[in-house]
Amino acid sequence: MAARRRLWRSVRARATLGATAVVAVALVVGGFIFVAALSSSLEDASARAGEVRAEELASRVEAEGPGAIRALEDEVAQLVDADGDVVAASEDAPSTALPHDDPAVSSVVDGEPVLVVSEELDDGSSVLVGISVEDDAEAVATVVGLLLVAVPLLVLLVGTTTWLVVGRALAPVTRIRTEVESITADRLDRRVPVPSSGDELAALAMTMNGMLERLDASAQAQRRFVSDASHELRSPLATIRQHAELSQAHPEVTSVEELAGIVHEEGLRLQGLVDALLLLARLDEGAAVAHEAVDLDDIALVEVSRLRASGIVVDGSGVGPAQVSGDGRLLGQLARNLADNAARHAAGRVAIGVAARDGFAVLTVEDDGDGVPPDERERIFERFVRLDEARSRDAGGSGLGLPIVRAIADAVGGRVAVDDSRWGGARFTVTLPVAS
């Protein structure tokens, strides 16, 4: 439990660190880009101001001569000839020519950074103007200082917010995980809490609850199946044991031939149960089923002949040609189970038919018995279900015939249903895909 808590904290920490790192990198890169853009913008503005001032002074020099430069105060300006010698300079300008080029050159005058802009006159001389950029540098430094304070605070805020948000997001997961940990094979009725958020976590919780419901239903069906199977298998064994003990205690009452007949009969019954259980187990496990062309009408006619041989009146006039895709052995078992079920419940008549309809082959088996009540028509396909619990097992069968019919139909891609026959009894309809 402690290890799992550490794991969830680690997940939460990794998510927080990842989000914080991404935001931090984005803020730092954005800060550098912003400072660079601000510096370039301020420099361009200073250069444009210098160009305007240089053009203005050049006009004055052409009109008034070099004295227009010497009369300037609180400005850095020079007039230099074509050889680069200083002809005139303002009060704040140095005596040597300022470095200049097109469009502008950075320099330092009396410890103050300036941007030198030049404007050439008609006689080849040039007017040099130095525009102070100290305020620009201070503005950039102020912005950098603010960013140095704001970025860590924003990163801290993002990290804290992410930690809280991730914690709230993982809280439903923690509750789901805790509940799942408490669910065991004998507590499959438990369900995980569904968050009210309606998001993906809620969908996950509902999906898990659906899975648990299916597992619970499967476990209950398995327990019922094991219980019923053990009871059914115990019954013939108990019969054999009782007659053997009776024959051993009173040999004059039970002859060897009678005991052998009972053992043989119960052994066949036991073998039938085991074979049916093994077949259901293979089908439940999704065992590979052959898909070959099978003449469904031939299988139906075999069952018609078999029932007639046992003295049952069978109408086989409805058997028409139809070829299906499936396993011939399993389809034969399906038809036999339906025929035996009809013969067991019929009052005197059974009808078997085969027809091709809309790309499917339809096998129908009906009788003139009591029929199946509408509310029991799904339950009869459950294992070991007998609608008349009072009747004997020999008359009622093992309760596995119809479940095998549905399992085989599902395995070959078909379906089975039951409704009323033309005589008021039961009619079983099996729809199977035709052979391609």
Protein backbone atom coordinates (compact mmCIF):
# COMPACT_ATOMS: atom_id res chain seq x y z
CA MET A 1 0.00 0.00 0.00
CA ALA A 2 2.81 2.42 0.91
CA ALA A 3 4.61 1.54 -2.29
CA ARG A 4 1.50 2.33 -4.32
CA ARG A 5 1.09 5.66 -2.55
CA ARG A 6 4.70 6.49 -3.38
CA LEU A 7 4.02 5.50 -6.98
CA TRP A 8 1.01 7.84 -7.23
CA ARG A 9 3.02 10.67 -5.63
CA SER A 10 5.76 9.99 -8.15
CA VAL A 11 3.26 10.15 -11.02
CA ARG A 12 1.86 13.38 -9.65
CA ALA A 13 5.35 14.84 -9.21
CA ARG A 14 6.44 13.82 -12.71
CA ALA A 15 3.33 15.37 -14.24
CA THR A 16 3.87 18.58 -12.27
CA LEU A 17 7.58 18.77 -13.12
CA GLY A 18 6.89 18.07 -16.78
CA ALA A 19 4.25 20.79 -17.09
CA THR A 20 6.33 23.26 -15.06
CA ALA A 21 9.44 22.60 -17.14
CA VAL A 22 7.55 23.20 -20.37
CA VAL A 23 6.09 26.46 -19.07
CA ALA A 24 9.47 27.57 -17.68
CA VAL A 25 11.24 26.95 -20.99
CA ALA A 26 8.47 28.76 -22.87
CA LEU A 27 8.68 31.76 -20.50
CA VAL A 28 12.48 31.96 -20.69
CA VAL A 29 12.53 31.71 -24.48
CA GLY A 30 9.68 34.20 -24.71
CA GLY A 31 11.52 36.55 -22.34
CA PHE A 32 14.67 36.48 -24.46
CA ILE A 33 12.65 37.12 -27.63
CA PHE A 34 10.76 39.98 -25.95
CA VAL A 35 13.95 41.69 -24.69
CA ALA A 36 15.61 41.31 -28.10
CA ALA A 37 12.55 42.75 -29.85
CA LEU A 38 12.33 45.64 -27.36
CA SER A 39 16.03 46.48 -27.76
CA SER A 40 15.76 46.41 -31.55
CA SER A 41 12.63 48.55 -31.49
CA LEU A 42 14.19 51.17 -29.20
CA GLU A 43 17.34 51.27 -31.29
CA ASP A 44 15.35 51.74 -34.50
CA ALA A 45 13.38 54.57 -32.88
CA SER A 46 16.60 56.30 -31.76
CA ALA A 47 18.12 55.88 -35.21
CA ARG A 48 15.05 57.44 -36.86
CA ALA A 49 15.16 60.35 -34.40
CA GLY A 50 18.86 60.83 -35.15
CA GLU A 51 18.26 60.81 -38.88
CA VAL A 52 15.59 63.48 -38.55
CA ARG A 53 17.86 65.64 -36.37
CA ALA A 54 20.84 65.19 -38.71
CA GLU A 55 18.79 66.25 -41.73
CA GLU A 56 17.59 69.30 -39.82
CA LEU A 57 21.15 70.30 -38.81
CA ALA A 58 22.44 69.71 -42.34
CA SER A 59 19.88 72.18 -43.64
CA ARG A 60 20.94 74.74 -41.04
CA VAL A 61 24.65 74.29 -41.85
CA GLU A 62 23.99 74.85 -45.53
CA ALA A 63 22.04 78.00 -44.63
CA GLU A 64 24.09 79.40 -41.72
CA GLY A 65 27.49 77.74 -42.04
CA PRO A 66 29.50 75.83 -39.38
CA GLY A 67 28.38 78.26 -36.69
CA ALA A 68 25.06 76.48 -36.52
CA ILE A 69 26.88 73.47 -35.07
CA ARG A 70 29.02 75.46 -32.61
CA ALA A 71 25.90 77.15 -31.20
CA LEU A 72 24.34 73.89 -30.06
CA GLU A 73 24.10 73.08 -26.36
CA ASP A 74 23.27 69.82 -24.61
CA GLU A 75 23.67 67.98 -27.90
CA VAL A 76 26.43 65.93 -29.46
CA ALA A 77 26.98 67.14 -33.04
CA GLN A 78 29.97 67.59 -35.35
CA LEU A 79 30.70 68.88 -38.82
CA VAL A 80 33.53 66.95 -40.47
CA ASP A 81 35.08 67.53 -43.87
CA ALA A 82 35.61 64.94 -46.58
CA ASP A 83 38.95 63.93 -44.97
CA GLY A 84 37.27 63.22 -41.63
CA ASP A 85 38.64 66.27 -39.81
CA VAL A 86 36.36 68.13 -37.42
CA VAL A 87 35.38 71.52 -38.84
CA ALA A 88 32.94 72.44 -36.07
CA ALA A 89 31.61 70.74 -32.93
CA SER A 90 28.92 71.40 -30.35
CA GLU A 91 29.71 72.16 -26.76
CA ASP A 92 29.19 68.52 -25.61
CA ALA A 93 30.91 66.89 -28.62
CA PRO A 94 34.52 65.67 -28.46
CA SER A 95 37.25 67.35 -30.49
CA THR A 96 37.97 64.24 -32.50
CA ALA A 97 35.59 62.94 -35.10
CA LEU A 98 32.98 60.48 -33.90
CA PRO A 99 32.97 57.03 -35.52
CA HIS A 100 30.29 57.00 -38.16
CA ASP A 101 28.90 54.82 -40.90
CA ASP A 102 25.63 54.14 -42.66
CA PRO A 103 23.11 53.71 -41.16
CA ALA A 104 24.25 54.25 -37.54
CA VAL A 105 27.14 53.41 -35.23
CA SER A 106 27.13 52.94 -31.45
CA SER A 107 29.70 54.93 -29.50
CA VAL A 108 30.40 56.42 -26.06
CA VAL A 109 30.71 60.13 -25.31
CA ASP A 110 31.73 61.19 -21.80
CA GLY A 111 30.76 57.76 -20.52
CA GLU A 112 27.28 57.95 -22.03
CA PRO A 113 26.23 55.55 -24.80
CA VAL A 114 25.16 57.29 -27.98
CA LEU A 115 24.01 56.28 -31.45
CA VAL A 116 25.89 58.28 -34.13
CA VAL A 117 23.91 59.14 -37.26
CA SER A 118 25.51 60.95 -40.25
CA GLU A 119 24.07 63.16 -43.00
CA GLU A 120 26.30 64.05 -45.98
CA LEU A 121 26.28 67.57 -47.43
CA ASP A 122 26.70 68.59 -51.05
CA ASP A 123 30.37 69.63 -50.58
CA GLY A 124 31.35 66.18 -49.27
CA SER A 125 31.36 67.12 -45.60
CA SER A 126 29.05 65.37 -43.13
CA VAL A 127 26.97 66.32 -40.12
CA LEU A 128 27.31 63.80 -37.27
CA VAL A 129 24.62 63.66 -34.56
CA GLY A 130 24.93 61.54 -31.40
CA ILE A 131 21.60 60.44 -29.94
CA SER A 132 21.75 59.29 -26.32
CA VAL A 133 20.50 55.72 -25.82
CA GLU A 134 21.01 55.65 -22.07
CA ASP A 135 17.27 55.80 -21.45
CA ASP A 136 16.80 52.92 -23.85
CA ALA A 137 19.36 50.84 -21.97
CA GLU A 138 17.69 51.67 -18.67
CA ALA A 139 14.30 50.65 -20.08
CA VAL A 140 15.69 47.32 -21.29
CA ALA A 141 17.41 46.75 -17.93
CA THR A 142 14.14 47.48 -16.12
CA VAL A 143 12.28 45.00 -18.29
CA VAL A 144 14.98 42.35 -17.73
CA GLY A 145 14.76 42.90 -13.97
CA LEU A 146 10.99 42.55 -14.03
CA LEU A 147 11.27 39.37 -16.07
CA LEU A 148 13.84 37.94 -13.64
CA VAL A 149 11.28 38.40 -10.87
CA ALA A 150 8.11 37.56 -12.81
CA VAL A 151 9.28 34.40 -14.58
CA PRO A 152 10.20 32.48 -11.38
CA LEU A 153 6.95 33.61 -9.77
CA LEU A 154 4.95 32.45 -12.79
CA VAL A 155 6.80 29.14 -12.84
CA LEU A 156 6.08 28.69 -9.13
CA LEU A 157 2.42 29.58 -9.68
CA VAL A 158 2.14 27.16 -12.60
CA GLY A 159 3.84 24.39 -10.63
CA THR A 160 1.54 24.89 -7.63
CA THR A 161 -1.56 25.02 -9.82
CA THR A 162 -0.48 21.93 -11.76
CA TRP A 163 0.19 20.04 -8.52
CA LEU A 164 -3.30 20.86 -7.23
CA VAL A 165 -5.03 20.18 -10.54
CA VAL A 166 -3.22 16.89 -11.08
CA GLY A 167 -4.02 15.91 -7.51
CA ARG A 168 -7.71 16.58 -8.05
CA ALA A 169 -7.61 14.78 -11.39
CA LEU A 170 -5.94 11.73 -9.84
CA ALA A 171 -8.23 11.63 -6.82
CA PRO A 172 -10.96 9.67 -8.66
CA VAL A 173 -8.28 7.34 -10.02
CA THR A 174 -7.06 6.74 -6.47
CA ARG A 175 -10.59 5.95 -5.31
CA ILE A 176 -11.11 3.62 -8.26
CA ARG A 177 -7.76 1.91 -7.60
CA THR A 178 -8.55 1.50 -3.90
CA GLU A 179 -11.92 -0.07 -4.68
CA VAL A 180 -10.44 -2.36 -7.34
CA GLU A 181 -7.83 -3.56 -4.84
CA SER A 182 -10.62 -4.66 -2.50
CA ILE A 183 -12.43 -6.67 -5.20
CA THR A 184 -11.67 -10.37 -5.07
CA ALA A 185 -13.13 -13.45 -6.72
CA ASP A 186 -15.75 -13.77 -3.97
CA ARG A 187 -16.59 -10.04 -3.97
CA LEU A 188 -17.35 -9.40 -7.62
CA ASP A 189 -20.59 -7.66 -6.62
CA ARG A 190 -18.54 -4.58 -5.65
CA ARG A 191 -18.43 -1.64 -8.07
CA VAL A 192 -16.01 1.25 -8.46
CA PRO A 193 -17.26 4.81 -7.77
CA VAL A 194 -18.20 6.77 -10.89
CA PRO A 195 -17.06 10.43 -10.78
CA SER A 196 -19.71 13.05 -11.49
CA SER A 197 -17.39 14.88 -13.89
CA GLY A 198 -18.75 13.11 -16.97
CA ASP A 199 -15.27 13.00 -18.52
CA GLU A 200 -12.99 10.18 -19.62
CA LEU A 201 -12.44 9.04 -16.02
CA ALA A 202 -16.20 8.65 -15.55
CA ALA A 203 -16.34 6.67 -18.80
CA LEU A 204 -13.44 4.52 -17.55
CA ALA A 205 -15.24 3.85 -14.26
CA MET A 206 -18.46 2.89 -16.08
CA THR A 207 -16.50 0.61 -18.39
CA MET A 208 -14.85 -1.06 -15.40
CA ASN A 209 -18.23 -1.50 -13.73
CA GLY A 210 -19.56 -3.08 -16.91
CA MET A 211 -16.58 -5.43 -16.93
CA LEU A 212 -17.17 -6.30 -13.27
CA GLU A 213 -20.85 -7.00 -13.99
CA ARG A 214 -19.86 -9.37 -16.80
CA LEU A 215 -17.27 -11.06 -14.59
CA ASP A 216 -19.80 -11.36 -11.77
CA ALA A 217 -22.41 -12.86 -14.10
CA SER A 218 -19.80 -15.22 -15.54
CA ALA A 219 -18.63 -16.26 -12.08
CA GLN A 220 -22.19 -16.87 -10.91
CA ALA A 221 -22.94 -18.88 -14.04
CA GLN A 222 -19.76 -20.88 -13.53
CA ARG A 223 -20.65 -21.61 -9.92
CA ARG A 224 -24.15 -22.70 -10.93
CA PHE A 225 -22.69 -24.77 -13.72
CA VAL A 226 -20.20 -26.51 -11.44
CA SER A 227 -22.89 -27.13 -8.84
CA ASP A 228 -25.37 -28.51 -11.38
CA ALA A 229 -22.71 -30.53 -13.18
CA SER A 230 -21.49 -32.10 -9.95
CA HIS A 231 -25.08 -32.97 -9.03
CA GLU A 232 -25.81 -34.47 -12.43
CA LEU A 233 -22.60 -36.49 -12.42
CA ARG A 234 -23.19 -37.63 -8.86
CA SER A 235 -26.62 -39.02 -9.68
CA PRO A 236 -25.58 -41.91 -12.01
CA LEU A 237 -22.60 -42.68 -9.81
CA ALA A 238 -24.88 -42.88 -6.78
CA THR A 239 -27.26 -45.18 -8.68
CA ILE A 240 -24.41 -47.52 -9.66
CA ARG A 241 -23.07 -47.53 -6.10
CA GLN A 242 -26.49 -48.19 -4.54
CA HIS A 243 -27.21 -51.16 -6.80
CA ALA A 244 -23.70 -52.51 -6.34
CA GLU A 245 -24.01 -52.31 -2.54
CA LEU A 246 -27.47 -53.90 -2.71
CA SER A 247 -26.16 -56.71 -4.90
CA GLN A 248 -23.20 -57.22 -2.58
CA ALA A 249 -25.37 -57.30 0.57
CA HIS A 250 -28.22 -59.31 -0.95
CA PRO A 251 -26.98 -61.27 -3.95
CA GLU A 252 -30.22 -63.22 -4.06
CA VAL A 253 -32.23 -60.04 -4.76
CA THR A 254 -30.26 -58.59 -7.70
CA SER A 255 -28.84 -60.81 -10.41
CA VAL A 256 -25.56 -60.16 -12.17
CA GLU A 257 -27.39 -59.55 -15.45
CA GLU A 258 -29.68 -56.99 -13.85
CA LEU A 259 -26.77 -55.22 -12.16
CA ALA A 260 -24.79 -55.20 -15.42
CA GLY A 261 -27.75 -53.68 -17.24
CA ILE A 262 -28.13 -50.92 -14.64
CA VAL A 263 -24.40 -50.20 -14.67
CA HIS A 264 -24.39 -50.12 -18.47
CA GLU A 265 -27.40 -47.78 -18.63
CA GLU A 266 -26.03 -45.41 -16.00
CA GLY A 267 -22.59 -45.56 -17.61
CA LEU A 268 -24.05 -44.45 -20.92
CA ARG A 269 -25.90 -41.67 -19.17
CA LEU A 270 -22.69 -40.62 -17.40
CA GLN A 271 -20.77 -40.72 -20.68
CA GLY A 272 -23.43 -38.56 -22.35
CA LEU A 273 -23.15 -35.97 -19.60
CA VAL A 274 -19.37 -35.90 -19.78
CA ASP A 275 -19.41 -35.62 -23.58
CA ALA A 276 -21.93 -32.77 -23.41
CA LEU A 277 -19.90 -30.94 -20.76
CA LEU A 278 -16.69 -31.34 -22.77
CA LEU A 279 -18.40 -30.04 -25.91
CA LEU A 280 -19.74 -27.00 -24.08
CA ALA A 281 -16.33 -26.36 -22.54
CA ARG A 282 -14.65 -26.44 -25.96
CA LEU A 283 -17.23 -24.10 -27.43
CA ASP A 284 -16.95 -21.74 -24.45
CA GLU A 285 -13.20 -21.58 -24.95
CA GLY A 286 -13.69 -20.53 -28.55
CA ALA A 287 -12.29 -23.72 -30.06
CA ALA A 288 -11.71 -23.53 -33.80
CA VAL A 289 -14.79 -24.64 -35.74
CA ALA A 290 -14.51 -25.91 -39.30
CA HIS A 291 -16.34 -23.89 -41.94
CA GLU A 292 -17.04 -26.20 -44.83
CA ALA A 293 -19.97 -26.76 -47.14
CA VAL A 294 -22.53 -28.99 -45.40
CA ASP A 295 -25.84 -30.22 -46.85
CA LEU A 296 -28.30 -29.26 -44.13
CA ASP A 297 -31.12 -31.15 -45.82
CA ASP A 298 -29.14 -34.42 -45.58
CA ILE A 299 -28.66 -33.90 -41.84
CA ALA A 300 -32.37 -33.18 -41.39
CA LEU A 301 -33.40 -36.30 -43.35
CA VAL A 302 -31.13 -38.43 -41.18
CA GLU A 303 -33.02 -37.21 -38.10
CA VAL A 304 -36.37 -37.79 -39.81
CA SER A 305 -35.42 -41.41 -40.52
CA ARG A 306 -34.06 -41.94 -37.00
CA LEU A 307 -37.22 -40.68 -35.29
CA ARG A 308 -39.47 -42.67 -37.61
CA ALA A 309 -37.49 -45.80 -36.78
CA SER A 310 -38.29 -45.22 -33.11
CA GLY A 311 -42.02 -45.15 -33.86
CA ILE A 312 -42.63 -41.39 -33.88
CA VAL A 313 -44.77 -39.79 -36.56
CA VAL A 314 -42.49 -37.29 -38.33
CA ASP A 315 -43.42 -34.91 -41.15
CA GLY A 316 -40.36 -34.41 -43.34
CA SER A 317 -42.12 -32.91 -46.33
CA GLY A 318 -40.75 -29.47 -45.52
CA VAL A 319 -37.12 -30.52 -46.02
CA GLY A 320 -35.74 -28.68 -49.06
CA PRO A 321 -32.19 -28.32 -50.42
CA ALA A 322 -29.90 -25.98 -48.50
CA GLN A 323 -26.13 -25.92 -48.13
CA VAL A 324 -24.60 -24.14 -45.16
CA SER A 325 -21.10 -23.24 -44.00
CA GLY A 326 -20.10 -24.96 -40.78
CA ASP A 327 -18.88 -28.10 -39.06
CA GLY A 328 -20.85 -31.14 -40.20
CA ARG A 329 -20.36 -33.04 -36.94
CA LEU A 330 -21.50 -30.13 -34.79
CA LEU A 331 -24.47 -29.38 -37.04
CA GLY A 332 -25.47 -33.04 -36.81
CA GLN A 333 -25.34 -32.76 -33.02
CA LEU A 334 -27.48 -29.60 -33.20
CA ALA A 335 -30.15 -31.31 -35.32
CA ARG A 336 -30.14 -34.44 -33.13
CA ASN A 337 -30.59 -32.44 -29.94
CA LEU A 338 -33.54 -30.56 -31.41
CA ALA A 339 -35.09 -33.76 -32.76
CA ASP A 340 -34.70 -35.56 -29.40
CA ASN A 341 -36.17 -32.56 -27.58
CA ALA A 342 -39.18 -32.50 -29.93
CA ALA A 343 -39.70 -36.27 -29.63
CA ARG A 344 -39.53 -36.06 -25.83
CA HIS A 345 -42.25 -33.39 -25.58
CA ALA A 346 -44.45 -34.27 -28.57
CA ALA A 347 -47.94 -35.67 -28.03
CA GLY A 348 -47.79 -37.57 -31.26
CA ARG A 349 -46.39 -35.50 -34.11
CA VAL A 350 -43.04 -33.91 -35.02
CA ALA A 351 -42.17 -31.90 -38.13
CA ILE A 352 -38.69 -31.13 -39.45
CA GLY A 353 -38.12 -28.64 -42.27
CA VAL A 354 -35.23 -26.99 -44.13
CA ALA A 355 -35.49 -23.99 -46.44
CA ALA A 356 -33.24 -21.34 -48.00
CA ARG A 357 -34.35 -17.75 -47.34
CA ASP A 358 -32.64 -14.45 -48.16
CA GLY A 359 -29.11 -15.85 -48.14
CA PHE A 360 -29.65 -17.99 -45.02
CA ALA A 361 -30.63 -21.60 -44.43
CA VAL A 362 -33.42 -22.14 -41.89
CA LEU A 363 -33.87 -25.39 -39.97
CA THR A 364 -37.20 -25.78 -38.14
CA VAL A 365 -38.15 -28.52 -35.67
CA GLU A 366 -41.65 -28.40 -34.16
CA ASP A 367 -43.93 -30.65 -32.12
CA ASP A 368 -47.51 -30.81 -30.89
CA GLY A 369 -46.67 -30.83 -27.20
CA ASP A 370 -47.40 -28.26 -24.51
CA GLY A 371 -45.04 -25.64 -25.95
CA VAL A 372 -42.80 -23.20 -24.10
CA PRO A 373 -44.28 -20.22 -22.20
CA PRO A 374 -43.06 -16.87 -23.65
CA ASP A 375 -41.36 -15.86 -20.40
CA GLU A 376 -39.35 -19.11 -20.35
CA ARG A 377 -38.11 -19.07 -23.96
CA GLU A 378 -34.71 -17.69 -23.07
CA ARG A 379 -34.24 -19.63 -19.85
CA ILE A 380 -34.53 -23.00 -21.60
CA PHE A 381 -31.17 -22.30 -23.25
CA GLU A 382 -29.47 -22.06 -19.87
CA ARG A 383 -27.57 -25.11 -18.71
CA PHE A 384 -29.32 -27.75 -16.59
CA VAL A 385 -32.64 -25.92 -16.85
CA ARG A 386 -35.78 -28.10 -16.94
CA LEU A 387 -39.14 -26.38 -17.08
CA ASP A 388 -40.87 -29.33 -15.41
CA GLU A 389 -38.71 -29.99 -12.37
CA ALA A 390 -41.09 -32.72 -11.15
CA ARG A 391 -40.61 -35.01 -14.12
CA SER A 392 -37.96 -37.72 -14.09
CA ARG A 393 -34.54 -37.10 -15.51
CA ASP A 394 -34.97 -39.91 -17.97
CA ALA A 395 -38.04 -38.17 -19.40
CA GLY A 396 -36.69 -34.66 -19.06
CA GLY A 397 -33.12 -35.10 -20.25
CA SER A 398 -30.00 -33.63 -18.68
CA GLY A 399 -30.78 -29.98 -19.36
CA LEU A 400 -27.77 -29.64 -21.68
CA GLY A 401 -29.29 -30.37 -25.09
CA LEU A 402 -30.68 -26.92 -25.86
CA PRO A 403 -27.67 -25.03 -24.43
CA ILE A 404 -25.51 -27.11 -26.79
CA VAL A 405 -27.81 -26.15 -29.68
CA ARG A 406 -27.36 -22.44 -28.96
CA ALA A 407 -23.59 -22.81 -28.41
CA ILE A 408 -23.18 -24.62 -31.77
CA ALA A 409 -25.36 -22.08 -33.58
CA ASP A 410 -23.28 -19.22 -32.15
CA ALA A 411 -20.02 -20.99 -33.04
CA VAL A 412 -20.95 -21.31 -36.73
CA GLY A 413 -22.34 -17.77 -36.98
CA GLY A 414 -26.04 -18.63 -36.69
CA ARG A 415 -28.82 -18.06 -34.20
CA VAL A 416 -31.64 -20.07 -32.64
CA ALA A 417 -35.11 -19.01 -31.45
CA VAL A 418 -38.27 -20.69 -30.18
CA ASP A 419 -41.93 -19.81 -30.70
CA ASP A 420 -45.29 -21.59 -31.14
CA SER A 421 -45.71 -24.41 -33.64
CA ARG A 422 -48.66 -24.83 -35.98
CA TRP A 423 -50.17 -27.31 -33.48
CA GLY A 424 -49.64 -25.15 -30.40
CA GLY A 425 -46.42 -26.84 -29.30
CA ALA A 426 -42.87 -25.55 -29.58
CA ARG A 427 -41.11 -24.63 -32.80
CA PHE A 428 -37.35 -24.19 -32.80
CA THR A 429 -35.89 -22.15 -35.68
CA VAL A 430 -32.17 -22.23 -36.42
CA THR A 431 -30.85 -19.68 -38.95
CA LEU A 432 -27.45 -20.49 -40.45
CA PRO A 433 -25.26 -18.78 -43.08
CA VAL A 434 -25.32 -20.49 -46.45
CA ALA A 435 -22.13 -21.77 -48.03
CA SER A 436 -20.44 -19.19 -50.25
